[in-house]
N, C-alpha and C. Protein backbone atom coordinates (compact mmCIF):
# COMPACT_ATOMS: atom_id res chain seq x y z
N UNK A 1 117.83 109.40 113.81
CA UNK A 1 118.56 108.99 114.38
C UNK A 1 119.42 109.94 113.46
N UNK A 2 120.83 110.95 114.71
CA UNK A 2 121.09 111.49 114.31
C UNK A 2 122.94 111.62 113.54
N UNK A 3 123.42 110.83 112.71
CA UNK A 3 124.19 110.67 111.87
C UNK A 3 125.36 111.47 111.43
N UNK A 4 125.91 112.56 111.41
CA UNK A 4 126.44 113.67 110.78
C UNK A 4 127.33 113.15 109.83
N UNK A 5 127.40 113.04 108.69
CA UNK A 5 128.27 112.17 107.47
C UNK A 5 128.87 113.22 106.87
N UNK A 6 130.22 112.78 106.45
CA UNK A 6 130.82 113.56 105.65
C UNK A 6 130.68 113.71 104.29
N UNK A 7 129.98 114.45 103.69
CA UNK A 7 129.62 115.01 102.29
C UNK A 7 130.78 115.73 101.22
N UNK A 8 130.53 115.71 100.45
CA UNK A 8 131.66 116.83 99.43
C UNK A 8 132.91 116.81 99.68
N UNK A 9 133.60 115.78 100.01
CA UNK A 9 135.13 115.84 100.77
C UNK A 9 134.81 115.46 101.56
N UNK A 10 135.38 116.89 102.72
CA UNK A 10 135.86 117.12 103.98
C UNK A 10 134.58 117.75 104.94
N UNK A 11 134.02 118.24 103.57
CA UNK A 11 132.53 119.34 104.71
C UNK A 11 131.37 118.44 105.07
N UNK A 12 131.04 118.51 106.35
CA UNK A 12 129.85 118.42 107.13
C UNK A 12 128.73 118.53 106.65
N UNK A 13 128.15 118.01 106.56
CA UNK A 13 126.56 118.19 106.44
C UNK A 13 126.00 119.38 107.62
N UNK A 14 125.18 120.11 107.25
CA UNK A 14 124.46 120.74 108.37
C UNK A 14 123.21 119.98 108.94
N UNK A 15 122.75 120.35 110.16
CA UNK A 15 122.13 119.33 110.14
C UNK A 15 120.55 119.58 109.70
N UNK A 16 120.25 120.70 108.85
CA UNK A 16 118.63 121.19 108.00
C UNK A 16 119.35 120.01 106.52
N UNK A 17 120.95 119.74 106.55
CA UNK A 17 120.97 119.01 104.91
C UNK A 17 120.90 117.72 105.46
N UNK A 18 121.65 117.38 106.30
CA UNK A 18 121.10 115.83 107.05
C UNK A 18 119.99 115.23 107.01
N UNK A 19 119.26 116.50 107.68
CA UNK A 19 117.64 115.80 107.67
C UNK A 19 117.26 115.97 106.24
N UNK A 20 117.30 116.96 105.65
CA UNK A 20 116.78 116.60 104.12
C UNK A 20 116.98 115.66 103.43
N UNK A 21 118.27 114.75 103.78
CA UNK A 21 119.31 113.82 103.17
C UNK A 21 118.40 112.66 103.50
N UNK A 22 118.00 112.50 104.55
CA UNK A 22 117.18 111.24 105.35
C UNK A 22 118.95 111.06 106.10
N UNK A 23 119.51 112.00 106.98
CA UNK A 23 120.59 110.90 107.87
C UNK A 23 119.53 111.14 109.37
N UNK A 24 118.86 112.33 109.24
CA UNK A 24 118.41 112.82 110.80
C UNK A 24 116.96 112.04 110.52
N UNK A 25 116.86 110.54 111.33
CA UNK A 25 115.37 109.94 111.63
C UNK A 25 114.78 109.26 113.27
N UNK A 26 114.37 110.62 113.43
CA UNK A 26 114.53 110.53 115.10
C UNK A 26 113.64 108.99 115.14
N UNK A 27 112.71 109.06 114.16
CA UNK A 27 111.60 107.72 114.81
C UNK A 27 112.28 106.04 114.94
N UNK A 28 113.76 106.31 114.04
CA UNK A 28 114.50 105.35 114.52
C UNK A 28 115.20 104.70 115.36
N UNK A 29 115.16 106.04 116.15
CA UNK A 29 116.49 105.96 117.25
C UNK A 29 115.32 106.05 118.71
N UNK A 30 113.79 106.16 118.59
CA UNK A 30 113.07 106.05 119.21
C UNK A 30 112.67 104.40 119.75
N UNK A 31 113.23 103.67 120.73
CA UNK A 31 112.68 102.97 120.65
C UNK A 31 112.83 101.95 122.38
N UNK A 32 111.93 102.76 122.68
CA UNK A 32 111.94 102.50 124.26
C UNK A 32 111.78 101.04 124.49
N UNK A 33 112.74 100.51 125.16
CA UNK A 33 112.96 99.61 125.42
C UNK A 33 113.02 99.19 127.57
N UNK A 34 111.77 98.86 128.20
CA UNK A 34 111.82 98.73 129.68
C UNK A 34 111.47 98.00 129.83
N UNK A 35 111.10 97.66 131.19
CA UNK A 35 110.64 96.23 131.80
C UNK A 35 109.10 96.17 131.25
N UNK A 36 108.07 97.78 131.63
CA UNK A 36 107.40 97.97 131.64
C UNK A 36 106.86 97.32 129.83
N UNK A 37 107.38 98.05 129.09
CA UNK A 37 107.21 98.15 127.30
C UNK A 37 107.05 96.37 127.04
N UNK A 38 108.35 96.00 127.28
CA UNK A 38 108.62 94.32 127.57
C UNK A 38 107.16 94.19 127.77
N UNK A 39 106.96 94.12 128.77
CA UNK A 39 105.49 93.14 129.45
C UNK A 39 104.62 93.60 128.46
N UNK A 40 103.93 94.41 128.44
CA UNK A 40 102.77 95.31 127.97
C UNK A 40 102.93 94.65 126.13
N UNK A 41 104.20 94.83 126.01
CA UNK A 41 104.24 94.47 124.49
C UNK A 41 103.99 92.55 124.52
N UNK A 42 104.13 91.87 125.00
CA UNK A 42 103.99 90.32 126.19
C UNK A 42 102.98 90.22 126.04
N UNK A 43 101.54 91.40 126.86
CA UNK A 43 100.48 91.28 126.76
C UNK A 43 99.53 91.11 125.30
N UNK A 44 100.07 91.82 124.52
CA UNK A 44 99.44 92.25 123.12
C UNK A 44 99.06 91.09 122.17
N UNK A 45 100.36 90.70 122.49
CA UNK A 45 100.91 89.66 121.73
C UNK A 45 100.21 88.74 122.31
N UNK A 46 100.21 88.11 123.28
CA UNK A 46 99.24 87.29 123.91
C UNK A 46 98.09 87.29 123.25
N UNK A 47 97.31 88.53 124.06
CA UNK A 47 96.20 88.72 123.47
C UNK A 47 95.34 88.55 121.96
N UNK A 48 96.42 89.26 120.88
CA UNK A 48 96.27 89.09 120.32
C UNK A 48 96.30 87.66 119.47
N UNK A 49 97.05 86.09 119.85
CA UNK A 49 96.59 85.30 119.37
C UNK A 49 95.95 84.08 120.23
N UNK A 50 95.30 84.71 121.17
CA UNK A 50 93.68 84.34 121.56
C UNK A 50 92.73 85.07 120.95
N UNK A 51 92.46 86.14 120.77
CA UNK A 51 91.93 86.82 120.08
C UNK A 51 90.92 86.21 118.54
N UNK A 52 92.89 85.49 118.25
CA UNK A 52 92.60 84.89 116.52
C UNK A 52 92.22 83.92 116.36
N UNK A 53 92.91 83.35 117.25
CA UNK A 53 92.52 81.39 118.12
C UNK A 53 90.87 81.51 117.63
N UNK A 54 90.74 82.48 118.77
CA UNK A 54 88.94 82.24 118.19
C UNK A 54 88.13 82.20 116.59
N UNK A 55 88.71 83.00 116.37
CA UNK A 55 87.48 83.33 115.19
C UNK A 55 87.80 82.63 114.13
N UNK A 56 87.05 82.28 112.89
CA UNK A 56 87.31 80.84 112.46
C UNK A 56 88.08 82.01 111.15
N UNK A 57 89.13 80.28 110.81
CA UNK A 57 90.01 80.75 110.23
C UNK A 57 89.47 81.89 108.70
N UNK A 58 88.53 82.08 108.41
CA UNK A 58 87.99 82.50 107.52
C UNK A 58 87.65 84.18 107.57
N UNK A 59 88.12 84.10 108.98
CA UNK A 59 87.69 85.97 109.71
C UNK A 59 88.78 86.28 110.51
N UNK A 60 89.92 85.24 110.49
CA UNK A 60 91.13 85.73 110.51
C UNK A 60 92.07 86.89 110.35
N UNK A 61 91.61 87.35 109.43
CA UNK A 61 92.08 88.73 108.95
C UNK A 61 91.53 89.64 109.51
N UNK A 62 90.47 89.60 109.66
CA UNK A 62 90.32 91.02 110.72
C UNK A 62 90.53 91.27 111.64
N UNK A 63 91.05 90.54 112.73
CA UNK A 63 92.32 90.97 113.66
C UNK A 63 93.64 91.26 113.15
N UNK A 64 93.67 91.07 112.36
CA UNK A 64 95.20 91.02 111.65
C UNK A 64 95.24 92.68 110.64
N UNK A 65 93.97 93.06 110.47
CA UNK A 65 93.68 94.10 109.25
C UNK A 65 93.55 95.50 110.92
N UNK A 66 93.01 95.16 111.59
CA UNK A 66 92.26 95.72 113.33
C UNK A 66 94.34 96.07 113.53
N UNK A 67 94.89 95.09 113.79
CA UNK A 67 96.45 95.58 114.27
C UNK A 67 97.06 96.49 113.33
N UNK A 68 96.60 96.32 111.69
CA UNK A 68 97.55 97.23 110.92
C UNK A 68 96.96 98.18 110.92
N UNK A 69 95.77 98.47 111.10
CA UNK A 69 95.02 99.88 111.08
C UNK A 69 95.51 100.79 112.30
N UNK A 70 95.53 100.04 113.35
CA UNK A 70 96.19 100.65 114.84
C UNK A 70 97.32 101.24 114.69
N UNK A 71 98.39 100.32 114.24
CA UNK A 71 100.05 100.49 114.18
C UNK A 71 100.03 101.57 112.95
N UNK A 72 99.21 102.06 112.14
CA UNK A 72 99.43 103.34 111.14
C UNK A 72 98.83 104.38 111.90
N UNK A 73 97.28 104.33 112.54
CA UNK A 73 97.35 105.42 113.05
C UNK A 73 97.67 105.97 114.33
N UNK A 74 99.01 104.81 115.16
CA UNK A 74 99.57 105.50 116.45
C UNK A 74 100.70 105.94 115.53
N UNK A 75 101.38 105.56 114.51
CA UNK A 75 102.98 105.74 113.63
C UNK A 75 102.00 107.57 113.22
N UNK A 76 100.87 108.27 112.55
CA UNK A 76 100.86 108.91 112.51
C UNK A 76 100.40 109.88 113.48
N UNK A 77 99.92 109.02 114.91
CA UNK A 77 100.05 110.42 115.92
C UNK A 77 100.91 110.86 116.32
N UNK A 78 101.91 109.67 116.59
CA UNK A 78 103.73 109.88 117.31
C UNK A 78 103.96 111.21 115.87
N UNK A 79 103.82 111.35 114.56
CA UNK A 79 104.85 112.52 114.01
C UNK A 79 104.29 113.57 114.33
N UNK A 80 102.52 113.75 114.32
CA UNK A 80 102.01 114.86 114.90
C UNK A 80 102.32 115.28 116.24
N UNK A 81 102.51 114.56 117.35
CA UNK A 81 103.32 114.63 118.51
C UNK A 81 104.55 114.94 117.85
N UNK A 82 105.46 114.99 117.41
CA UNK A 82 106.56 115.09 116.97
C UNK A 82 106.64 116.32 116.73
N UNK A 83 106.10 116.68 115.39
CA UNK A 83 105.89 118.03 115.16
C UNK A 83 105.58 119.09 115.67
N UNK A 84 104.63 119.06 116.76
CA UNK A 84 104.19 119.84 117.51
C UNK A 84 104.91 119.93 118.54
N UNK A 85 105.98 118.94 118.68
CA UNK A 85 106.63 119.63 119.88
C UNK A 85 107.92 119.91 119.48
N UNK A 86 108.50 119.66 118.07
CA UNK A 86 109.36 120.62 117.36
C UNK A 86 109.21 121.83 117.06
N UNK A 87 107.49 122.47 116.61
CA UNK A 87 106.47 123.66 116.50
C UNK A 87 107.23 124.43 118.03
N UNK A 88 106.50 123.33 119.04
CA UNK A 88 107.11 124.60 120.06
C UNK A 88 108.33 124.41 121.07
N UNK A 89 109.47 123.61 120.49
CA UNK A 89 110.88 124.23 120.37
C UNK A 89 111.37 125.34 119.56
N UNK A 90 110.87 125.54 118.29
CA UNK A 90 111.27 126.53 118.16
C UNK A 90 110.95 128.12 118.37
N UNK A 91 108.93 127.62 118.70
CA UNK A 91 108.48 129.22 119.50
C UNK A 91 109.05 129.32 120.74
N UNK A 92 109.71 128.40 121.36
CA UNK A 92 110.56 128.65 122.84
C UNK A 92 112.08 129.28 122.57
N UNK A 93 112.35 129.07 121.55
CA UNK A 93 113.93 129.39 121.59
C UNK A 93 113.68 130.38 120.46
N UNK A 94 112.59 131.01 119.80
CA UNK A 94 112.39 132.74 118.59
C UNK A 94 112.33 133.47 120.14
N UNK A 95 111.73 132.85 121.39
CA UNK A 95 111.26 133.16 122.83
C UNK A 95 112.47 134.14 123.00
N UNK A 96 113.53 133.03 123.39
CA UNK A 96 114.89 133.55 124.16
C UNK A 96 115.41 134.26 123.56
N UNK A 97 115.52 133.98 122.45
CA UNK A 97 116.23 134.51 121.42
C UNK A 97 116.36 136.21 120.54
N UNK A 98 114.94 136.54 121.39
CA UNK A 98 114.31 137.56 120.87
C UNK A 98 114.60 138.60 121.48
N UNK A 99 114.81 137.97 122.89
CA UNK A 99 114.66 138.97 123.53
C UNK A 99 116.37 139.57 124.11
């Protein structure tokens, strides 16, 4: 999320300063809310509960551990894709402005 806040009196922060100080957090503003996403989320939750219910009480932590690991893996993948997209954007800008 980009919120250019006023700092040091009336001076507005630059984009880089805002990024450095945590004012820009793209991951907070990326929240797709479409019928397909809601449907898939409901399906994942349904399957999670079904699988968890089939496991003995002592083993139910396994599905929780797997889901948490998948969440961290997905987050890392999205962060890498974001960084790669940013690099590509910078390269494109350099190409456009360099000519």
